[in-house]
Amino acid sequence: MSNGQIERIIQGGEDLFLQAGIKSVTMDDIARHLGMSKKTIYHFFNDKNDLVMALVKKKLIDDECQINSIIESSANVIEEMINMMKCSEDIFSRINPIVIHDLQKYHPEAWALFQNFKAEVLVKTLEELLTKGIQQGFIRPDIDVRILAKMRVNQVEMGFNASIFPVSQFSTWRVQYQLLEHFNYGICTIKGHELLDKYKNVHAQQLN
């Protein structure tokens, strides 16, 4: 049962963190939210930082699995990019930018895990994707794959920066969508643009 309880505590923490940020949520809040004693939570986690670390580790594993499954199930690089966009829509529409801010400021170990994942997994995966796209004729052969992969991954973080895009003025998802669309159209050949338009139209029709 302990694994089930750990999962439940992590999920309960995530629910509250997404609503209010990490700093303002206490272990008491999580215990109340779950109808569980605080003692039970402390049996599995030393403190809130320990819980945040476990949550970030779990999310990064989930994200990597999701990325790999999108790559395996897509017919070409453009389809991969569109599917990543759809997958991002769900993630970005739920993320509270305060969570990113609180991670950076109050949970440096967890933030370092995320930064490492960004460098080791996201940038590397994107480099491979761009290289494959050049070979398939969908991505411009004149781009510098290493520079643009790093730029794109860091753009996502910039989109969550509340000093650049205040939440009162900008929808987090809309910011991320615009940055991603700008990137996608900037790296594509004419052949890539045509396929991108085609997939986008199909996706738009599915939503209507």
C-alpha atoms as a PDB file:
ATOM      1  CA  MET A   1       0.000   0.000   0.000  1.00  0.00           C
ATOM      2  CA  SER A   2       2.950   2.323   0.658  1.00  0.00           C
ATOM      3  CA  ASN A   3       3.580   2.905  -3.077  1.00  0.00           C
ATOM      4  CA  GLY A   4      -0.062   3.837  -3.546  1.00  0.00           C
ATOM      5  CA  GLN A   5       0.141   6.242  -0.610  1.00  0.00           C
ATOM      6  CA  ILE A   6       3.327   7.835  -1.973  1.00  0.00           C
ATOM      7  CA  GLU A   7       1.636   8.329  -5.366  1.00  0.00           C
ATOM      8  CA  ARG A   8      -1.415   9.806  -3.664  1.00  0.00           C
ATOM      9  CA  ILE A   9       0.654  12.259  -1.594  1.00  0.00           C
ATOM     10  CA  ILE A  10       2.662  13.350  -4.663  1.00  0.00           C
ATOM     11  CA  GLN A  11      -0.571  13.839  -6.641  1.00  0.00           C
ATOM     12  CA  GLY A  12      -2.154  15.777  -3.754  1.00  0.00           C
ATOM     13  CA  GLY A  13       0.909  18.026  -3.566  1.00  0.00           C
ATOM     14  CA  GLU A  14       0.812  18.596  -7.318  1.00  0.00           C
ATOM     15  CA  ASP A  15      -2.899  19.517  -7.251  1.00  0.00           C
ATOM     16  CA  LEU A  16      -2.354  22.196  -4.619  1.00  0.00           C
ATOM     17  CA  PHE A  17       0.961  23.490  -6.022  1.00  0.00           C
ATOM     18  CA  LEU A  18      -0.624  24.005  -9.460  1.00  0.00           C
ATOM     19  CA  GLN A  19      -3.416  26.021  -7.871  1.00  0.00           C
ATOM     20  CA  ALA A  20      -1.443  28.211  -5.483  1.00  0.00           C
ATOM     21  CA  GLY A  21       2.284  27.803  -6.107  1.00  0.00           C
ATOM     22  CA  ILE A  22       4.644  25.843  -3.848  1.00  0.00           C
ATOM     23  CA  LYS A  23       5.589  28.378  -1.185  1.00  0.00           C
ATOM     24  CA  SER A  24       2.061  29.089   0.045  1.00  0.00           C
ATOM     25  CA  VAL A  25       1.100  25.390   0.384  1.00  0.00           C
ATOM     26  CA  THR A  26       1.960  23.718   3.711  1.00  0.00           C
ATOM     27  CA  MET A  27       2.178  20.036   4.614  1.00  0.00           C
ATOM     28  CA  ASP A  28      -0.955  20.668   6.735  1.00  0.00           C
ATOM     29  CA  ASP A  29      -2.769  21.840   3.591  1.00  0.00           C
ATOM     30  CA  ILE A  30      -1.757  18.674   1.731  1.00  0.00           C
ATOM     31  CA  ALA A  31      -2.822  16.458   4.658  1.00  0.00           C
ATOM     32  CA  ARG A  32      -6.220  18.219   4.819  1.00  0.00           C
ATOM     33  CA  HIS A  33      -6.643  18.006   1.029  1.00  0.00           C
ATOM     34  CA  LEU A  34      -6.038  14.244   1.149  1.00  0.00           C
ATOM     35  CA  GLY A  35      -7.939  13.563   4.390  1.00  0.00           C
ATOM     36  CA  MET A  36      -4.725  12.031   5.691  1.00  0.00           C
ATOM     37  CA  SER A  37      -2.737  12.595   8.886  1.00  0.00           C
ATOM     38  CA  LYS A  38       0.395  14.739   8.607  1.00  0.00           C
ATOM     39  CA  LYS A  39       2.243  11.929  10.409  1.00  0.00           C
ATOM     40  CA  THR A  40       1.524   9.602   7.462  1.00  0.00           C
ATOM     41  CA  ILE A  41       2.975  12.135   5.025  1.00  0.00           C
ATOM     42  CA  TYR A  42       6.092  12.580   7.168  1.00  0.00           C
ATOM     43  CA  HIS A  43       6.492   8.787   7.256  1.00  0.00           C
ATOM     44  CA  PHE A  44       7.298   8.951   3.518  1.00  0.00           C
ATOM     45  CA  PHE A  45       8.720  12.475   3.112  1.00  0.00           C
ATOM     46  CA  ASN A  46      11.114  14.311   5.467  1.00  0.00           C
ATOM     47  CA  ASP A  47       9.749  17.749   4.559  1.00  0.00           C
ATOM     48  CA  LYS A  48       8.127  19.733   1.753  1.00  0.00           C
ATOM     49  CA  ASN A  49      11.403  19.955  -0.182  1.00  0.00           C
ATOM     50  CA  ASP A  50      11.622  16.144  -0.180  1.00  0.00           C
ATOM     51  CA  LEU A  51       8.076  15.987  -1.581  1.00  0.00           C
ATOM     52  CA  VAL A  52       8.874  18.602  -4.256  1.00  0.00           C
ATOM     53  CA  MET A  53      11.962  16.591  -5.298  1.00  0.00           C
ATOM     54  CA  ALA A  54       9.881  13.404  -5.626  1.00  0.00           C
ATOM     55  CA  LEU A  55       7.225  15.268  -7.617  1.00  0.00           C
ATOM     56  CA  VAL A  56       9.751  16.807 -10.037  1.00  0.00           C
ATOM     57  CA  LYS A  57      11.480  13.413 -10.557  1.00  0.00           C
ATOM     58  CA  LYS A  58       8.116  11.795 -11.326  1.00  0.00           C
ATOM     59  CA  LYS A  59       7.068  14.575 -13.732  1.00  0.00           C
ATOM     60  CA  LEU A  60      10.374  14.410 -15.623  1.00  0.00           C
ATOM     61  CA  ILE A  61      10.072  10.631 -16.073  1.00  0.00           C
ATOM     62  CA  ASP A  62       6.453  11.080 -17.266  1.00  0.00           C
ATOM     63  CA  ASP A  63       7.515  13.854 -19.688  1.00  0.00           C
ATOM     64  CA  GLU A  64      10.331  11.744 -21.138  1.00  0.00           C
ATOM     65  CA  CYS A  65       7.937   8.799 -21.676  1.00  0.00           C
ATOM     66  CA  GLN A  66       5.405  11.103 -23.348  1.00  0.00           C
ATOM     67  CA  ILE A  67       8.058  12.628 -25.648  1.00  0.00           C
ATOM     68  CA  ASN A  68       9.324   9.148 -26.639  1.00  0.00           C
ATOM     69  CA  SER A  69       5.820   7.870 -27.336  1.00  0.00           C
ATOM     70  CA  ILE A  70       5.074  10.915 -29.551  1.00  0.00           C
ATOM     71  CA  ILE A  71       8.306  10.337 -31.507  1.00  0.00           C
ATOM     72  CA  GLU A  72       7.542   6.616 -31.959  1.00  0.00           C
ATOM     73  CA  SER A  73       3.942   7.186 -33.102  1.00  0.00           C
ATOM     74  CA  SER A  74       4.577  10.061 -35.556  1.00  0.00           C
ATOM     75  CA  ALA A  75       5.089   9.500 -39.289  1.00  0.00           C
ATOM     76  CA  ASN A  76       7.556  12.388 -39.790  1.00  0.00           C
ATOM     77  CA  VAL A  77       9.199  15.332 -38.041  1.00  0.00           C
ATOM     78  CA  ILE A  78       6.329  17.742 -38.827  1.00  0.00           C
ATOM     79  CA  GLU A  79       3.790  15.364 -37.291  1.00  0.00           C
ATOM     80  CA  GLU A  80       6.066  15.072 -34.242  1.00  0.00           C
ATOM     81  CA  MET A  81       6.123  18.875 -33.927  1.00  0.00           C
ATOM     82  CA  ILE A  82       2.317  19.130 -34.201  1.00  0.00           C
ATOM     83  CA  ASN A  83       1.810  16.312 -31.680  1.00  0.00           C
ATOM     84  CA  MET A  84       4.263  17.984 -29.278  1.00  0.00           C
ATOM     85  CA  MET A  85       2.196  21.176 -29.677  1.00  0.00           C
ATOM     86  CA  LYS A  86      -1.022  19.329 -28.773  1.00  0.00           C
ATOM     87  CA  CYS A  87       0.669  17.618 -25.836  1.00  0.00           C
ATOM     88  CA  SER A  88       2.085  20.970 -24.644  1.00  0.00           C
ATOM     89  CA  GLU A  89      -1.380  22.534 -24.745  1.00  0.00           C
ATOM     90  CA  ASP A  90      -2.540  20.272 -21.924  1.00  0.00           C
ATOM     91  CA  ILE A  91       0.606  20.845 -19.826  1.00  0.00           C
ATOM     92  CA  PHE A  92       0.912  24.617 -20.294  1.00  0.00           C
ATOM     93  CA  SER A  93      -2.769  25.329 -19.728  1.00  0.00           C
ATOM     94  CA  ARG A  94      -2.451  23.801 -16.232  1.00  0.00           C
ATOM     95  CA  ILE A  95       0.897  25.206 -15.094  1.00  0.00           C
ATOM     96  CA  ASN A  96       0.848  28.159 -12.755  1.00  0.00           C
ATOM     97  CA  PRO A  97       3.918  30.354 -13.487  1.00  0.00           C
ATOM     98  CA  ILE A  98       4.292  30.823  -9.704  1.00  0.00           C
ATOM     99  CA  VAL A  99       5.316  27.141  -9.521  1.00  0.00           C
ATOM    100  CA  ILE A 100       8.312  27.841 -11.802  1.00  0.00           C
ATOM    101  CA  HIS A 101       9.243  30.915  -9.755  1.00  0.00           C
ATOM    102  CA  ASP A 102       8.952  29.034  -6.429  1.00  0.00           C
ATOM    103  CA  LEU A 103      10.997  26.105  -7.733  1.00  0.00           C
ATOM    104  CA  GLN A 104      13.836  28.443  -8.748  1.00  0.00           C
ATOM    105  CA  LYS A 105      13.788  30.451  -5.542  1.00  0.00           C
ATOM    106  CA  TYR A 106      12.966  27.973  -2.769  1.00  0.00           C
ATOM    107  CA  HIS A 107      13.831  24.513  -4.133  1.00  0.00           C
ATOM    108  CA  PRO A 108      17.220  24.820  -5.878  1.00  0.00           C
ATOM    109  CA  GLU A 109      17.882  21.048  -5.882  1.00  0.00           C
ATOM    110  CA  ALA A 110      14.610  20.328  -7.664  1.00  0.00           C
ATOM    111  CA  TRP A 111      15.275  23.216 -10.064  1.00  0.00           C
ATOM    112  CA  ALA A 112      18.740  21.768 -10.790  1.00  0.00           C
ATOM    113  CA  LEU A 113      17.083  18.420 -11.653  1.00  0.00           C
ATOM    114  CA  PHE A 114      14.845  20.226 -14.138  1.00  0.00           C
ATOM    115  CA  GLN A 115      17.799  22.154 -15.625  1.00  0.00           C
ATOM    116  CA  ASN A 116      19.756  18.930 -16.030  1.00  0.00           C
ATOM    117  CA  PHE A 117      16.771  17.267 -17.733  1.00  0.00           C
ATOM    118  CA  LYS A 118      16.501  20.288 -20.012  1.00  0.00           C
ATOM    119  CA  ALA A 119      20.139  20.041 -21.062  1.00  0.00           C
ATOM    120  CA  GLU A 120      20.479  16.251 -21.200  1.00  0.00           C
ATOM    121  CA  VAL A 121      17.087  15.158 -22.528  1.00  0.00           C
ATOM    122  CA  LEU A 122      15.175  18.053 -24.107  1.00  0.00           C
ATOM    123  CA  VAL A 123      18.033  19.725 -26.000  1.00  0.00           C
ATOM    124  CA  LYS A 124      19.452  16.371 -27.148  1.00  0.00           C
ATOM    125  CA  THR A 125      16.017  15.125 -28.304  1.00  0.00           C
ATOM    126  CA  LEU A 126      15.382  18.362 -30.190  1.00  0.00           C
ATOM    127  CA  GLU A 127      18.812  18.246 -31.854  1.00  0.00           C
ATOM    128  CA  GLU A 128      18.013  14.724 -33.083  1.00  0.00           C
ATOM    129  CA  LEU A 129      14.568  15.835 -34.267  1.00  0.00           C
ATOM    130  CA  LEU A 130      15.965  18.807 -36.224  1.00  0.00           C
ATOM    131  CA  THR A 131      18.732  16.701 -37.781  1.00  0.00           C
ATOM    132  CA  LYS A 132      16.161  14.094 -38.858  1.00  0.00           C
ATOM    133  CA  GLY A 133      13.934  16.875 -40.237  1.00  0.00           C
ATOM    134  CA  ILE A 134      16.806  18.217 -42.374  1.00  0.00           C
ATOM    135  CA  GLN A 135      17.352  14.707 -43.790  1.00  0.00           C
ATOM    136  CA  GLN A 136      13.606  14.399 -44.532  1.00  0.00           C
ATOM    137  CA  GLY A 137      13.648  17.772 -46.349  1.00  0.00           C
ATOM    138  CA  PHE A 138      11.187  19.463 -43.937  1.00  0.00           C
ATOM    139  CA  ILE A 139      13.709  21.533 -41.946  1.00  0.00           C
ATOM    140  CA  ARG A 140      16.046  24.123 -43.471  1.00  0.00           C
ATOM    141  CA  PRO A 141      19.538  22.653 -43.980  1.00  0.00           C
ATOM    142  CA  ASP A 142      21.214  26.008 -43.211  1.00  0.00           C
ATOM    143  CA  ILE A 143      20.115  26.162 -39.541  1.00  0.00           C
ATOM    144  CA  ASP A 144      22.574  25.496 -36.706  1.00  0.00           C
ATOM    145  CA  VAL A 145      20.880  22.591 -34.945  1.00  0.00           C
ATOM    146  CA  ARG A 146      22.804  23.001 -31.658  1.00  0.00           C
ATOM    147  CA  ILE A 147      22.014  26.720 -31.326  1.00  0.00           C
ATOM    148  CA  LEU A 148      18.324  26.433 -32.231  1.00  0.00           C
ATOM    149  CA  ALA A 149      17.722  23.410 -29.977  1.00  0.00           C
ATOM    150  CA  LYS A 150      19.121  25.340 -26.988  1.00  0.00           C
ATOM    151  CA  MET A 151      17.200  28.474 -27.964  1.00  0.00           C
ATOM    152  CA  ARG A 152      13.877  26.623 -28.213  1.00  0.00           C
ATOM    153  CA  VAL A 153      14.215  24.811 -24.879  1.00  0.00           C
ATOM    154  CA  ASN A 154      15.126  28.065 -23.101  1.00  0.00           C
ATOM    155  CA  GLN A 155      12.277  29.906 -24.842  1.00  0.00           C
ATOM    156  CA  VAL A 156       9.787  27.731 -22.950  1.00  0.00           C
ATOM    157  CA  GLU A 157      11.242  28.905 -19.647  1.00  0.00           C
ATOM    158  CA  MET A 158      11.159  32.520 -20.826  1.00  0.00           C
ATOM    159  CA  GLY A 159       7.437  32.126 -21.602  1.00  0.00           C
ATOM    160  CA  PHE A 160       6.845  31.361 -17.918  1.00  0.00           C
ATOM    161  CA  ASN A 161       8.800  34.413 -16.740  1.00  0.00           C
ATOM    162  CA  ALA A 162       6.169  36.641 -15.114  1.00  0.00           C
ATOM    163  CA  SER A 163       8.392  39.728 -15.330  1.00  0.00           C
ATOM    164  CA  ILE A 164       8.361  39.402 -19.151  1.00  0.00           C
ATOM    165  CA  PHE A 165       4.809  38.040 -19.569  1.00  0.00           C
ATOM    166  CA  PRO A 166       2.731  39.066 -16.500  1.00  0.00           C
ATOM    167  CA  VAL A 167      -0.100  36.584 -15.890  1.00  0.00           C
ATOM    168  CA  SER A 168      -2.561  39.485 -15.533  1.00  0.00           C
ATOM    169  CA  GLN A 169      -1.909  40.443 -19.172  1.00  0.00           C
ATOM    170  CA  PHE A 170      -1.003  37.178 -20.918  1.00  0.00           C
ATOM    171  CA  SER A 171      -2.409  33.656 -21.032  1.00  0.00           C
ATOM    172  CA  THR A 172       0.488  31.265 -20.298  1.00  0.00           C
ATOM    173  CA  TRP A 173      -0.696  28.809 -22.944  1.00  0.00           C
ATOM    174  CA  ARG A 174      -1.100  31.554 -25.587  1.00  0.00           C
ATOM    175  CA  VAL A 175       2.457  32.793 -24.960  1.00  0.00           C
ATOM    176  CA  GLN A 176       3.845  29.259 -25.279  1.00  0.00           C
ATOM    177  CA  TYR A 177       1.798  28.539 -28.414  1.00  0.00           C
ATOM    178  CA  GLN A 178       2.979  31.730 -30.133  1.00  0.00           C
ATOM    179  CA  LEU A 179       6.638  31.033 -29.305  1.00  0.00           C
ATOM    180  CA  LEU A 180       6.344  27.448 -30.531  1.00  0.00           C
ATOM    181  CA  GLU A 181       4.512  28.364 -33.746  1.00  0.00           C
ATOM    182  CA  HIS A 182       7.061  31.095 -34.499  1.00  0.00           C
ATOM    183  CA  PHE A 183       9.863  28.565 -33.999  1.00  0.00           C
ATOM    184  CA  ASN A 184       8.196  25.865 -36.128  1.00  0.00           C
ATOM    185  CA  TYR A 185       7.602  28.155 -39.107  1.00  0.00           C
ATOM    186  CA  GLY A 186      11.077  29.681 -38.772  1.00  0.00           C
ATOM    187  CA  ILE A 187      12.897  26.354 -39.162  1.00  0.00           C
ATOM    188  CA  CYS A 188      10.781  24.769 -41.916  1.00  0.00           C
ATOM    189  CA  THR A 189      11.456  24.552 -45.654  1.00  0.00           C
ATOM    190  CA  ILE A 190       8.575  25.283 -48.078  1.00  0.00           C
ATOM    191  CA  LYS A 191       7.837  21.541 -48.080  1.00  0.00           C
ATOM    192  CA  GLY A 192       7.754  21.665 -44.266  1.00  0.00           C
ATOM    193  CA  HIS A 193       5.449  24.701 -44.274  1.00  0.00           C
ATOM    194  CA  GLU A 194       2.966  22.934 -46.535  1.00  0.00           C
ATOM    195  CA  LEU A 195       2.823  19.885 -44.268  1.00  0.00           C
ATOM    196  CA  LEU A 196       2.670  22.063 -41.145  1.00  0.00           C
ATOM    197  CA  ASP A 197      -0.340  23.944 -42.604  1.00  0.00           C
ATOM    198  CA  LYS A 198      -2.016  20.671 -43.539  1.00  0.00           C
ATOM    199  CA  TYR A 199      -1.642  19.158 -40.044  1.00  0.00           C
ATOM    200  CA  LYS A 200      -2.708  22.423 -38.402  1.00  0.00           C
ATOM    201  CA  ASN A 201      -5.905  22.552 -40.506  1.00  0.00           C
ATOM    202  CA  VAL A 202      -6.742  18.938 -39.591  1.00  0.00           C
ATOM    203  CA  HIS A 203      -6.134  19.703 -35.902  1.00  0.00           C
ATOM    204  CA  ALA A 204      -8.300  22.867 -36.108  1.00  0.00           C
ATOM    205  CA  GLN A 205     -11.138  20.886 -37.719  1.00  0.00           C
ATOM    206  CA  GLN A 206     -10.920  18.252 -34.949  1.00  0.00           C
ATOM    207  CA  LEU A 207     -11.346  21.010 -32.343  1.00  0.00           C
ATOM    208  CA  ASN A 208     -14.439  22.505 -34.047  1.00  0.00           C
END
